[in-house]
Protein backbone atom coordinates (compact mmCIF):
# COMPACT_ATOMS: atom_id res chain seq x y z
CA MET A 1 -80.57 20.54 -15.47
CA LYS A 2 -82.34 23.89 -15.21
CA ALA A 3 -84.86 22.43 -12.77
CA ALA A 4 -82.10 21.04 -10.57
CA ARG A 5 -80.35 24.40 -10.54
CA THR A 6 -83.60 26.17 -9.61
CA LYS A 7 -84.15 23.63 -6.83
CA ARG A 8 -80.70 24.32 -5.40
CA ILE A 9 -81.28 28.09 -5.48
CA ILE A 10 -84.64 27.73 -3.73
CA GLY A 11 -83.07 25.37 -1.19
CA GLY A 12 -80.30 27.87 -0.52
CA ILE A 13 -82.77 30.72 -0.02
CA LEU A 14 -84.83 28.57 2.33
CA LEU A 15 -81.72 27.58 4.27
CA ILE A 16 -80.62 31.20 4.69
CA SER A 17 -84.13 32.11 5.82
CA LEU A 18 -84.11 29.36 8.43
CA LEU A 19 -80.73 30.47 9.70
CA THR A 20 -81.86 34.09 9.89
CA LEU A 21 -84.92 33.08 11.91
CA GLY A 22 -82.77 30.95 14.19
CA LEU A 23 -84.83 27.83 13.45
CA TYR A 24 -82.06 25.52 12.21
CA GLN A 25 -79.83 25.14 15.28
CA PRO A 26 -77.76 22.10 14.15
CA PHE A 27 -76.69 23.86 11.00
CA ARG A 28 -76.09 27.15 12.80
CA ASP A 29 -73.61 25.26 15.00
CA PHE A 30 -71.83 24.24 11.82
CA PHE A 31 -70.75 27.86 11.31
CA LEU A 32 -68.67 27.59 14.50
CA ILE A 33 -66.30 25.27 12.63
CA PRO A 34 -63.01 27.15 12.09
CA ASN A 35 -62.06 28.04 8.54
CA GLN A 36 -58.66 26.48 9.06
CA VAL A 37 -57.72 23.28 10.89
CA VAL A 38 -54.18 22.18 11.73
CA LEU A 39 -53.55 18.55 12.57
CA PHE A 40 -50.59 16.22 12.62
CA LYS A 41 -50.01 13.21 10.43
CA ASP A 42 -51.86 10.11 11.62
CA SER A 43 -54.23 12.17 13.78
CA GLN A 44 -57.86 13.17 13.49
CA TYR A 45 -60.17 16.11 14.01
CA GLN A 46 -63.85 15.76 14.85
CA ILE A 47 -66.58 18.22 13.97
CA ALA A 48 -69.65 17.84 16.19
CA ASN A 49 -73.27 18.95 15.77
CA THR A 50 -73.19 18.56 12.00
CA ALA A 51 -75.92 15.97 11.43
CA PRO A 52 -77.21 17.52 8.17
CA VAL A 53 -73.72 18.14 6.77
CA THR A 54 -71.62 15.92 4.54
CA ALA A 55 -68.07 16.50 3.37
CA ARG A 56 -65.77 15.65 0.52
CA VAL A 57 -62.06 16.11 -0.09
CA GLN A 58 -61.26 18.02 -3.26
CA ASP A 59 -57.96 16.23 -3.87
CA GLU A 60 -58.12 12.51 -3.10
CA ASN A 61 -54.29 12.30 -3.07
CA ALA A 62 -53.83 14.93 -0.37
CA GLY A 63 -53.68 12.54 2.60
CA LEU A 64 -57.11 13.26 4.05
CA SER A 65 -60.03 10.97 4.62
CA VAL A 66 -63.48 11.96 5.89
CA SER A 67 -65.93 9.70 7.69
CA LYS A 68 -69.21 10.24 9.48
CA LYS A 69 -70.60 8.62 12.61
CA GLY A 70 -73.78 9.91 14.18
CA SER A 71 -73.53 13.69 14.50
CA GLU A 72 -69.76 13.82 14.01
CA LEU A 73 -67.63 14.25 10.93
CA THR A 74 -64.08 12.95 11.41
CA VAL A 75 -61.19 14.19 9.28
CA ARG A 76 -58.13 11.94 9.41
CA ALA A 77 -54.66 12.92 8.23
CA ASP A 78 -52.51 10.22 6.65
CA GLU A 79 -49.79 12.25 4.95
CA PRO A 80 -48.34 15.75 5.41
CA GLY A 81 -49.68 18.40 3.07
CA SER A 82 -52.39 20.98 2.69
CA ASN A 83 -55.85 20.59 1.23
CA VAL A 84 -59.34 22.03 1.23
CA MET A 85 -62.32 20.05 2.50
CA MET A 86 -65.74 21.04 1.16
CA LEU A 87 -68.75 20.87 3.48
CA GLU A 88 -72.11 20.42 1.78
CA VAL A 89 -75.80 20.36 2.58
CA ALA A 90 -77.94 18.37 0.13
CA GLY A 91 -75.09 18.51 -2.36
CA LEU A 92 -74.88 22.30 -2.07
CA PRO A 93 -71.35 23.53 -1.19
CA VAL A 94 -71.61 25.89 1.78
CA LYS A 95 -68.16 26.14 3.32
CA LYS A 96 -64.52 25.43 2.61
CA VAL A 97 -62.16 24.35 5.40
CA ASP A 98 -58.43 24.53 4.80
CA VAL A 99 -56.85 21.48 6.42
CA ARG A 100 -53.09 21.68 6.99
CA VAL A 101 -51.41 18.36 7.77
CA LEU A 102 -48.01 18.50 9.48
CA ASN A 103 -45.34 15.92 10.13
CA ASP A 104 -45.57 14.45 13.62
CA PHE A 105 -43.76 16.61 16.16
CA LYS A 106 -42.19 14.61 18.99
CA VAL A 107 -40.70 15.33 22.42
CA ILE A 108 -39.50 13.12 25.27
CA PRO A 109 -41.93 13.08 28.23
CA GLY A 110 -40.59 13.88 31.69
CA GLY A 111 -42.06 12.92 35.06
CA GLN A 112 -38.85 13.41 37.07
CA SER A 113 -38.92 15.31 40.36
CA ILE A 114 -36.80 18.44 40.07
CA GLY A 115 -35.53 21.07 42.48
CA VAL A 116 -36.00 24.67 41.35
CA LYS A 117 -33.74 27.59 42.27
CA LEU A 118 -34.84 31.03 41.10
CA ASN A 119 -32.85 34.25 41.29
CA THR A 120 -35.00 37.37 41.13
CA LEU A 121 -34.40 40.37 38.92
CA GLY A 122 -33.04 42.70 41.61
CA VAL A 123 -34.26 42.18 45.18
CA LEU A 124 -37.91 41.62 46.02
CA VAL A 125 -39.65 43.54 48.80
CA VAL A 126 -41.65 40.96 50.77
CA GLY A 127 -42.68 43.00 53.82
CA HIS A 128 -42.20 46.04 56.06
CA HIS A 129 -40.84 46.29 59.58
CA LEU A 130 -40.42 49.04 62.18
CA VAL A 131 -37.02 50.41 63.16
CA GLN A 132 -36.59 51.33 66.83
CA THR A 133 -35.08 54.81 66.54
CA GLU A 134 -34.36 57.48 69.15
CA GLU A 135 -37.61 59.18 68.05
CA GLY A 136 -39.70 56.00 68.24
CA LYS A 137 -40.65 53.19 65.87
CA LYS A 138 -40.60 54.10 62.19
CA SER A 139 -40.52 52.31 58.81
CA PRO A 140 -38.40 54.23 56.26
CA GLY A 141 -39.60 51.91 53.48
CA GLU A 142 -43.27 52.66 54.10
CA ASP A 143 -42.55 56.39 54.43
CA ALA A 144 -40.88 56.24 50.99
CA HIS A 145 -44.02 54.53 49.55
CA ILE A 146 -42.21 51.32 48.70
CA GLN A 147 -44.76 48.50 48.54
CA VAL A 148 -44.70 44.76 49.09
CA GLY A 149 -44.05 43.16 45.69
CA ASP A 150 -41.81 45.99 44.45
CA ILE A 151 -38.47 44.95 42.96
CA ILE A 152 -35.47 47.12 43.81
CA THR A 153 -33.33 47.16 40.66
CA GLU A 154 -30.95 50.11 41.24
CA ILE A 155 -29.57 52.14 44.13
CA ASN A 156 -27.71 55.38 43.38
CA GLY A 157 -27.35 54.34 39.74
CA THR A 158 -25.82 50.92 40.53
CA LYS A 159 -27.57 47.70 39.47
CA ILE A 160 -28.73 45.57 42.40
CA LYS A 161 -28.46 41.83 41.79
CA LYS A 162 -28.53 40.31 45.28
CA MET A 163 -29.23 41.19 48.90
CA GLY A 164 -25.52 41.65 49.66
CA ASP A 165 -25.42 44.54 47.19
CA VAL A 166 -27.82 46.60 49.33
CA THR A 167 -26.07 46.72 52.72
CA PRO A 168 -23.08 49.00 51.82
CA PHE A 169 -25.40 51.64 50.35
CA VAL A 170 -27.66 51.57 53.42
CA GLN A 171 -24.83 52.05 55.93
CA GLN A 172 -23.17 54.77 53.86
CA ALA A 173 -26.42 56.72 53.44
CA GLY A 174 -27.16 56.42 57.15
CA LYS A 175 -23.79 57.92 58.08
CA THR A 176 -23.94 60.79 55.56
CA GLY A 177 -27.64 61.49 56.05
CA LYS A 178 -28.15 61.57 52.30
CA PRO A 179 -31.24 59.70 51.01
CA LEU A 180 -30.80 56.80 48.62
CA ASP A 181 -32.00 57.17 45.03
CA ILE A 182 -33.86 53.92 44.43
CA LEU A 183 -35.33 52.53 41.20
CA ILE A 184 -38.10 49.98 41.63
CA ASN A 185 -40.06 47.83 39.24
CA ARG A 186 -43.78 47.64 40.03
CA ASP A 187 -46.13 45.82 37.66
CA ASN A 188 -43.69 46.36 34.76
CA GLN A 189 -43.41 50.09 35.51
CA THR A 190 -40.16 51.77 36.62
CA LEU A 191 -40.60 54.17 39.54
CA GLU A 192 -38.16 56.42 41.42
CA ARG A 193 -38.09 56.66 45.20
CA LYS A 194 -35.92 58.45 47.79
CA LEU A 195 -35.30 56.58 51.03
CA LEU A 196 -33.29 57.64 54.07
CA PRO A 197 -32.22 54.68 56.25
CA MET A 198 -32.74 55.04 60.02
CA LYS A 199 -30.51 53.89 62.84
CA ASP A 200 -31.71 51.06 65.07
CA LYS A 201 -30.72 52.19 68.56
CA SER A 202 -30.54 48.64 69.93
CA GLU A 203 -28.24 47.31 67.18
CA GLY A 204 -26.42 50.48 66.15
CA THR A 205 -26.92 49.82 62.42
CA TYR A 206 -28.95 51.60 59.77
CA LYS A 207 -32.01 49.89 58.27
CA LEU A 208 -34.47 50.37 55.42
CA GLY A 209 -37.53 49.10 57.27
CA VAL A 210 -38.28 46.51 54.57
CA TYR A 211 -37.77 42.76 54.27
CA ILE A 212 -36.13 41.74 51.00
CA ARG A 213 -35.36 38.48 49.22
CA ASP A 214 -33.27 37.68 46.15
CA SER A 215 -34.03 34.00 45.52
CA ALA A 216 -36.62 31.28 45.91
CA GLN A 217 -36.56 27.49 45.96
CA GLY A 218 -39.09 24.71 45.51
CA ILE A 219 -39.83 21.43 43.79
CA GLY A 220 -41.87 20.42 40.77
CA THR A 221 -42.03 17.94 37.92
CA MET A 222 -40.38 17.90 34.50
CA THR A 223 -42.91 17.86 31.63
CA PHE A 224 -40.91 17.44 28.42
CA TYR A 225 -37.48 17.59 26.82
CA HIS A 226 -36.87 18.40 23.14
CA PRO A 227 -33.63 16.73 21.97
CA GLY A 228 -33.27 18.92 18.90
CA THR A 229 -33.05 22.20 20.82
CA LYS A 230 -32.24 20.82 24.33
CA LYS A 231 -35.15 22.93 25.59
CA TYR A 232 -37.40 21.72 28.39
CA GLY A 233 -40.63 22.73 30.10
CA ALA A 234 -41.74 22.01 33.66
CA LEU A 235 -44.43 22.79 36.29
CA GLY A 236 -47.11 23.99 33.86
CA HIS A 237 -47.86 27.10 35.92
CA VAL A 238 -46.11 30.25 37.12
CA ILE A 239 -44.03 30.30 40.32
CA SER A 240 -45.25 33.03 42.67
CA ASP A 241 -43.56 34.40 45.77
CA MET A 242 -45.04 32.85 48.91
CA ASP A 243 -45.32 36.22 50.67
CA THR A 244 -46.34 38.65 47.92
CA LYS A 245 -48.38 36.05 45.94
CA LYS A 246 -47.07 37.72 42.79
CA PRO A 247 -45.20 35.95 39.95
CA ILE A 248 -41.45 36.01 40.48
CA VAL A 249 -39.62 38.08 37.85
CA VAL A 250 -36.65 35.88 37.01
CA LYS A 251 -33.11 37.03 36.35
CA ASP A 252 -31.89 33.46 36.02
CA GLY A 253 -32.10 30.14 37.79
CA GLN A 254 -31.18 26.47 37.82
CA ILE A 255 -32.85 23.11 38.15
CA VAL A 256 -31.36 20.08 39.92
CA ASN A 257 -32.49 16.51 40.53
CA SER A 258 -34.57 15.99 43.66
CA THR A 259 -35.74 13.01 45.70
CA VAL A 260 -39.22 12.67 47.20
CA THR A 261 -38.84 11.80 50.89
CA SER A 262 -42.49 11.66 51.97
CA ILE A 263 -46.03 12.64 51.02
CA GLU A 264 -48.48 14.73 53.01
CA LYS A 265 -51.72 13.16 51.80
CA GLY A 266 -54.39 15.46 50.43
CA SER A 267 -57.96 15.70 51.70
CA ASN A 268 -60.94 18.01 51.20
CA GLY A 269 -59.77 21.54 51.95
CA ASP A 270 -56.12 20.46 52.11
CA PRO A 271 -54.42 19.63 48.79
CA GLY A 272 -51.43 17.80 50.28
CA GLU A 273 -47.78 18.10 49.31
CA LYS A 274 -44.71 16.22 48.14
CA LEU A 275 -41.80 16.65 50.54
CA ALA A 276 -38.48 16.38 48.76
CA ARG A 277 -34.81 17.22 49.08
CA PHE A 278 -32.36 18.33 46.42
CA SER A 279 -29.87 15.70 45.32
CA PRO A 280 -26.78 15.60 47.61
CA SER A 281 -24.46 16.70 44.81
CA GLN A 282 -26.88 19.48 43.77
CA GLU A 283 -25.51 19.08 40.27
CA ILE A 284 -27.15 21.64 37.98
CA ILE A 285 -28.95 19.83 35.16
CA GLY A 286 -30.36 22.89 33.41
CA ASN A 287 -30.97 26.62 33.52
CA ILE A 288 -34.15 28.66 33.91
CA LYS A 289 -34.73 31.37 31.33
CA SER A 290 -38.37 32.24 32.01
CA ASN A 291 -41.12 31.86 34.59
CA SER A 292 -44.48 32.22 32.85
CA PRO A 293 -48.16 31.28 33.36
CA PHE A 294 -47.35 28.05 31.48
CA GLY A 295 -44.40 26.98 33.64
CA ILE A 296 -40.64 27.37 33.78
CA PHE A 297 -38.49 26.98 30.68
CA GLY A 298 -34.83 26.78 29.76
CA LYS A 299 -32.20 24.35 28.45
CA LEU A 300 -30.85 21.12 29.89
CA ASN A 301 -27.18 20.26 30.06
CA ALA A 302 -27.86 16.69 28.93
CA LYS A 303 -30.67 14.40 27.84
CA THR A 304 -32.99 13.37 30.66
CA ASP A 305 -33.88 9.79 31.54
CA ASN A 306 -37.12 9.02 33.36
CA GLY A 307 -36.39 5.29 33.42
CA ILE A 308 -39.84 4.33 32.16
CA LEU A 309 -40.60 6.04 28.84
CA ASN A 310 -37.58 7.62 27.20
CA LYS A 311 -38.56 7.51 23.56
CA PRO A 312 -39.92 10.62 21.83
CA LEU A 313 -43.73 10.75 21.72
CA PRO A 314 -45.90 12.65 19.23
CA ILE A 315 -47.96 15.48 20.70
CA THR A 316 -51.69 16.17 20.52
CA LEU A 317 -52.99 19.65 19.73
CA SER A 318 -55.61 21.16 22.03
CA HIS A 319 -58.55 20.53 19.70
CA GLN A 320 -57.59 16.85 19.33
CA VAL A 321 -57.60 15.91 23.04
CA LYS A 322 -60.48 13.56 23.89
CA GLU A 323 -62.38 12.91 27.07
CA GLY A 324 -61.52 9.51 28.47
CA PRO A 325 -58.70 7.44 29.99
CA ALA A 326 -55.15 8.78 30.12
CA LYS A 327 -51.98 8.38 32.19
CA ILE A 328 -49.61 10.66 34.06
CA LEU A 329 -45.93 10.21 34.82
CA THR A 330 -44.75 11.38 38.25
CA VAL A 331 -42.65 10.52 41.32
CA VAL A 332 -44.24 9.64 44.66
CA GLU A 333 -41.26 7.94 46.31
CA GLY A 334 -37.54 8.47 45.93
CA SER A 335 -36.63 9.37 42.36
CA LYS A 336 -38.55 6.60 40.58
CA VAL A 337 -40.91 7.83 37.86
CA GLU A 338 -44.13 5.79 37.75
CA GLU A 339 -47.19 5.65 35.50
CA PHE A 340 -50.66 6.25 36.98
CA ASN A 341 -54.18 6.17 35.53
CA VAL A 342 -56.28 9.32 35.24
CA GLU A 343 -59.42 10.37 33.39
CA ILE A 344 -59.64 13.46 31.19
CA VAL A 345 -63.05 14.70 32.29
CA SER A 346 -63.16 17.64 29.88
CA SER A 347 -60.91 19.43 27.41
CA ILE A 348 -61.38 22.86 25.85
CA PRO A 349 -60.28 23.14 22.18
CA GLN A 350 -58.48 26.45 22.73
CA LYS A 351 -57.68 28.64 19.72
CA PHE A 352 -55.12 30.73 21.59
CA PRO A 353 -52.67 30.00 24.44
CA ALA A 354 -54.56 29.69 27.72
CA ILE A 355 -54.11 27.87 31.01
CA LYS A 356 -56.49 25.35 32.57
CA GLY A 357 -57.40 23.70 29.26
CA MET A 358 -58.31 20.32 30.79
CA VAL A 359 -59.98 18.90 33.87
CA ILE A 360 -58.50 15.58 34.99
CA LYS A 361 -59.43 13.11 37.70
CA VAL A 362 -57.11 10.57 39.35
CA THR A 363 -58.56 7.06 39.02
CA ASP A 364 -55.48 5.01 39.97
CA ARG A 365 -56.10 3.24 43.29
CA LYS A 366 -52.39 3.11 44.17
CA LEU A 367 -51.94 6.85 43.66
CA LEU A 368 -55.11 7.66 45.61
CA GLU A 369 -53.93 5.55 48.54
CA LYS A 370 -50.49 7.15 48.48
CA THR A 371 -51.34 10.83 47.89
CA GLY A 372 -55.12 11.24 48.01
CA GLY A 373 -54.97 12.53 44.43
CA ILE A 374 -53.10 15.55 43.07
CA VAL A 375 -50.64 17.15 45.51
CA GLN A 376 -48.32 20.13 45.43
CA GLY A 377 -45.08 19.20 43.70
CA MET A 378 -46.95 17.11 41.13
CA SER A 379 -47.37 20.16 38.88
CA GLY A 380 -45.80 19.51 35.50
CA SER A 381 -46.47 15.76 35.50
CA PRO A 382 -46.95 14.88 31.79
CA ILE A 383 -50.38 13.64 30.68
CA ILE A 384 -50.30 10.92 28.01
CA GLN A 385 -53.31 9.71 26.02
CA ASN A 386 -53.22 7.01 23.32
CA GLY A 387 -49.43 7.14 23.16
CA ARG A 388 -49.32 10.91 22.65
CA LEU A 389 -48.29 13.73 25.00
CA VAL A 390 -51.32 15.96 25.52
CA GLY A 391 -50.41 18.23 28.43
CA ALA A 392 -49.34 18.58 32.05
CA VAL A 393 -50.96 18.59 35.49
CA THR A 394 -51.10 22.13 36.90
CA HIS A 395 -53.56 22.68 39.75
CA VAL A 396 -55.57 20.67 42.26
CA PHE A 397 -59.16 21.38 43.28
CA VAL A 398 -58.87 22.32 46.95
CA ASN A 399 -62.26 20.80 47.81
CA ASP A 400 -61.61 17.65 45.75
CA PRO A 401 -57.93 16.62 45.68
CA THR A 402 -58.72 13.72 43.32
CA SER A 403 -59.30 16.27 40.54
CA GLY A 404 -57.55 19.26 39.05
CA TYR A 405 -56.58 21.21 35.95
CA GLY A 406 -54.16 20.49 33.15
CA VAL A 407 -52.57 22.70 30.50
CA HIS A 408 -52.33 21.65 26.85
CA ILE A 409 -48.81 20.72 25.73
CA GLU A 410 -49.23 22.87 22.63
CA TRP A 411 -49.02 26.04 24.72
CA MET A 412 -46.08 24.88 26.83
CA LEU A 413 -44.10 24.16 23.67
CA ASP A 414 -45.05 27.54 22.26
CA GLU A 415 -43.92 29.25 25.48
CA ALA A 416 -40.62 27.34 25.34
CA GLY A 417 -39.98 28.89 21.93
CA ILE A 418 -40.28 25.57 20.08
CA ASN A 419 -41.97 25.89 16.69
CA ILE A 420 -44.20 22.87 16.12
CA TYR A 421 -45.77 24.32 12.97
CA GLU A 422 -44.49 24.56 9.43
CA ASP A 423 -44.07 28.31 9.71
CA SER A 424 -43.66 30.50 12.78
CA GLY A 425 -46.73 32.58 12.06
CA GLN A 426 -49.18 29.69 12.07
CA LYS A 427 -51.28 28.79 15.07
CA ALA A 428 -53.64 25.87 15.42
CA SER A 429 -57.32 26.58 14.87
């Protein structure tokens, strides 16, 4: 017994020495394993580069099983609960990993083509123009140091909600010759500006010398719907203004059904585009509460129906997504949602919310013939692998329209304010 203990101590000292010298790379990689792993019931988590490591579960009734194949240890969750898995080298315990097993969380996948109507917070400055005055061409907006991308939120202490709110102030200030007190939002900072409108001699009206906009429209694809909260997520990426290229700060908005009328096929250097029209009735099917790097989010008025896969599907966390075959749901003609084959080329097991977590490639011959690959308007198309929702299509590679990025569904759900964990403070490792 004493000899065995001495042998273990010597082995441990030797192991630490090897690690210090950087000579035991496979085992050094083992230390990259997180101290806590979160996985759902009936799912698995693989630990790579652990050839010299074995594992055992401390409580055999905790719903975990551990198997080894080649250089990978696989932990499988059978029942909800929490347990500690012990990793060992030559029978010597070296690390404990807390494995938390959760009940399967399910949402209904989307795939429907939707029309998006966004109303900005205030009015957005999208450009400058010159006013033809008696003294020559001038731009009051530029003279007042108002920049493209600024959001006008108040004029003379009154909240500005739409373009129509601006005109009365401009004409009144022009007649009295008193500058307007303007509040603008620039990169989340509130700034004060004074601006005196100038009279256009050809039209006889007073002008600010800036182009403004209070709304934006476009199309995209629904990603998921959660029946319990009626919350949805779509697009998978932020909506930016086409002129300023900056994310639109949303006051509110709506989504409606849309119909794809034609496809501009993508090619190298040209990603292509879905052309669509809003449904004739323009019935509002949901609101828009936020426009974030992970998409648009809000609540639906009623349960959605994609006509192909309407049952709730379990989700896959970012560290559980595998390279290999998958499918996407999207519309390429009319309003019919169809299923197409893709390949998940790579997936990053992200510890914190981040975009572009996957690279996907379209492999479906029908979709390639119809669209050339991923096209604008396809953003938000749900990605399904092994019967589980793993993420959404977000971006296309401009020089290779057959490929693009995807975002993990875990982060879209988090952004929607849907708690998929047992407690709100827990994040997946």
